[in-house]
Amino acid sequence: MAKVPKHIGKGEGGAGIAQLPAFFYDLIDDLNELRNKQIALLQKLDADAGTADTDYAATLTPAPLKTVKE
């Protein structure tokens, strides 16, 4: 797990200042992981015969992330 620094700086790195691209890439990875787990949970709910007859994946699946890594 990456720690969020108090001072991000200008992205030049050095002296303990986080580099902005690496910081944002870690955030994108975290968001992707959360999104994928939510989608898996919704699919599991849809496959479970004990839940109400609701299409959870169709109604609650998050939109694709707008921010991607290059």
Protein backbone atom coordinates (compact mmCIF):
# COMPACT_ATOMS: atom_id res chain seq x y z
CA MET A 1 0.00 0.00 0.00
CA ALA A 2 1.32 3.37 -0.98
CA LYS A 3 1.33 6.12 1.62
CA VAL A 4 0.02 9.52 0.67
CA PRO A 5 2.67 12.14 1.40
CA LYS A 6 1.77 15.43 3.08
CA HIS A 7 3.60 17.37 0.39
CA ILE A 8 3.40 16.04 -3.14
CA GLY A 9 5.57 18.78 -4.55
CA LYS A 10 5.92 19.52 -8.22
CA GLY A 11 6.54 15.94 -9.28
CA GLU A 12 10.30 16.21 -9.60
CA GLY A 13 10.94 13.59 -6.91
CA GLY A 14 13.92 13.61 -4.61
CA ALA A 15 14.19 14.49 -0.91
CA GLY A 16 11.22 12.27 -0.08
CA ILE A 17 8.81 14.12 -2.36
CA ALA A 18 6.56 11.73 -4.28
CA GLN A 19 6.67 11.77 -8.02
CA LEU A 20 3.26 12.76 -9.34
CA PRO A 21 2.98 10.14 -12.11
CA ALA A 22 3.75 7.29 -9.69
CA PHE A 23 1.28 8.70 -7.18
CA PHE A 24 -1.51 8.89 -9.76
CA TYR A 25 -0.72 5.43 -11.18
CA ASP A 26 -1.13 3.96 -7.70
CA LEU A 27 -4.50 5.69 -7.35
CA ILE A 28 -5.63 4.34 -10.72
CA ASP A 29 -4.60 0.81 -9.68
CA ASP A 30 -6.57 1.13 -6.43
CA LEU A 31 -9.67 2.37 -8.26
CA ASN A 32 -9.43 -0.45 -10.81
CA GLU A 33 -9.17 -3.04 -8.04
CA LEU A 34 -12.22 -1.65 -6.21
CA ARG A 35 -14.19 -1.49 -9.45
CA ASN A 36 -13.32 -5.08 -10.38
CA LYS A 37 -14.29 -6.36 -6.94
CA GLN A 38 -17.63 -4.53 -7.09
CA ILE A 39 -18.37 -6.06 -10.50
CA ALA A 40 -17.49 -9.54 -9.20
CA LEU A 41 -19.79 -9.06 -6.20
CA LEU A 42 -22.66 -7.95 -8.43
CA GLN A 43 -22.19 -10.99 -10.66
CA LYS A 44 -22.21 -13.26 -7.61
CA LEU A 45 -25.44 -11.66 -6.37
CA ASP A 46 -27.02 -12.21 -9.77
CA ALA A 47 -26.01 -15.88 -9.74
CA ASP A 48 -27.37 -16.44 -6.21
CA ALA A 49 -30.86 -17.94 -6.27
CA GLY A 50 -31.60 -16.58 -2.79
CA THR A 51 -31.52 -12.90 -3.70
CA ALA A 52 -34.43 -10.96 -5.16
CA ASP A 53 -34.91 -11.20 -8.89
CA THR A 54 -32.93 -8.06 -9.59
CA ASP A 55 -30.28 -7.65 -12.26
CA TYR A 56 -27.64 -6.15 -9.99
CA ALA A 57 -24.92 -6.12 -12.63
CA ALA A 58 -27.10 -4.21 -15.08
CA THR A 59 -28.23 -1.61 -12.57
CA LEU A 60 -25.17 -1.10 -10.36
CA THR A 61 -22.07 -1.80 -12.49
CA PRO A 62 -19.86 1.31 -12.43
CA ALA A 63 -18.93 3.05 -15.65
CA PRO A 64 -15.45 2.45 -17.03
CA LEU A 65 -12.76 4.64 -15.50
CA LYS A 66 -12.06 7.80 -17.44
CA THR A 67 -8.51 7.93 -16.14
CA VAL A 68 -6.15 5.34 -17.58
CA LYS A 69 -2.42 4.79 -17.48
CA GLU A 70 -0.43 5.37 -20.65
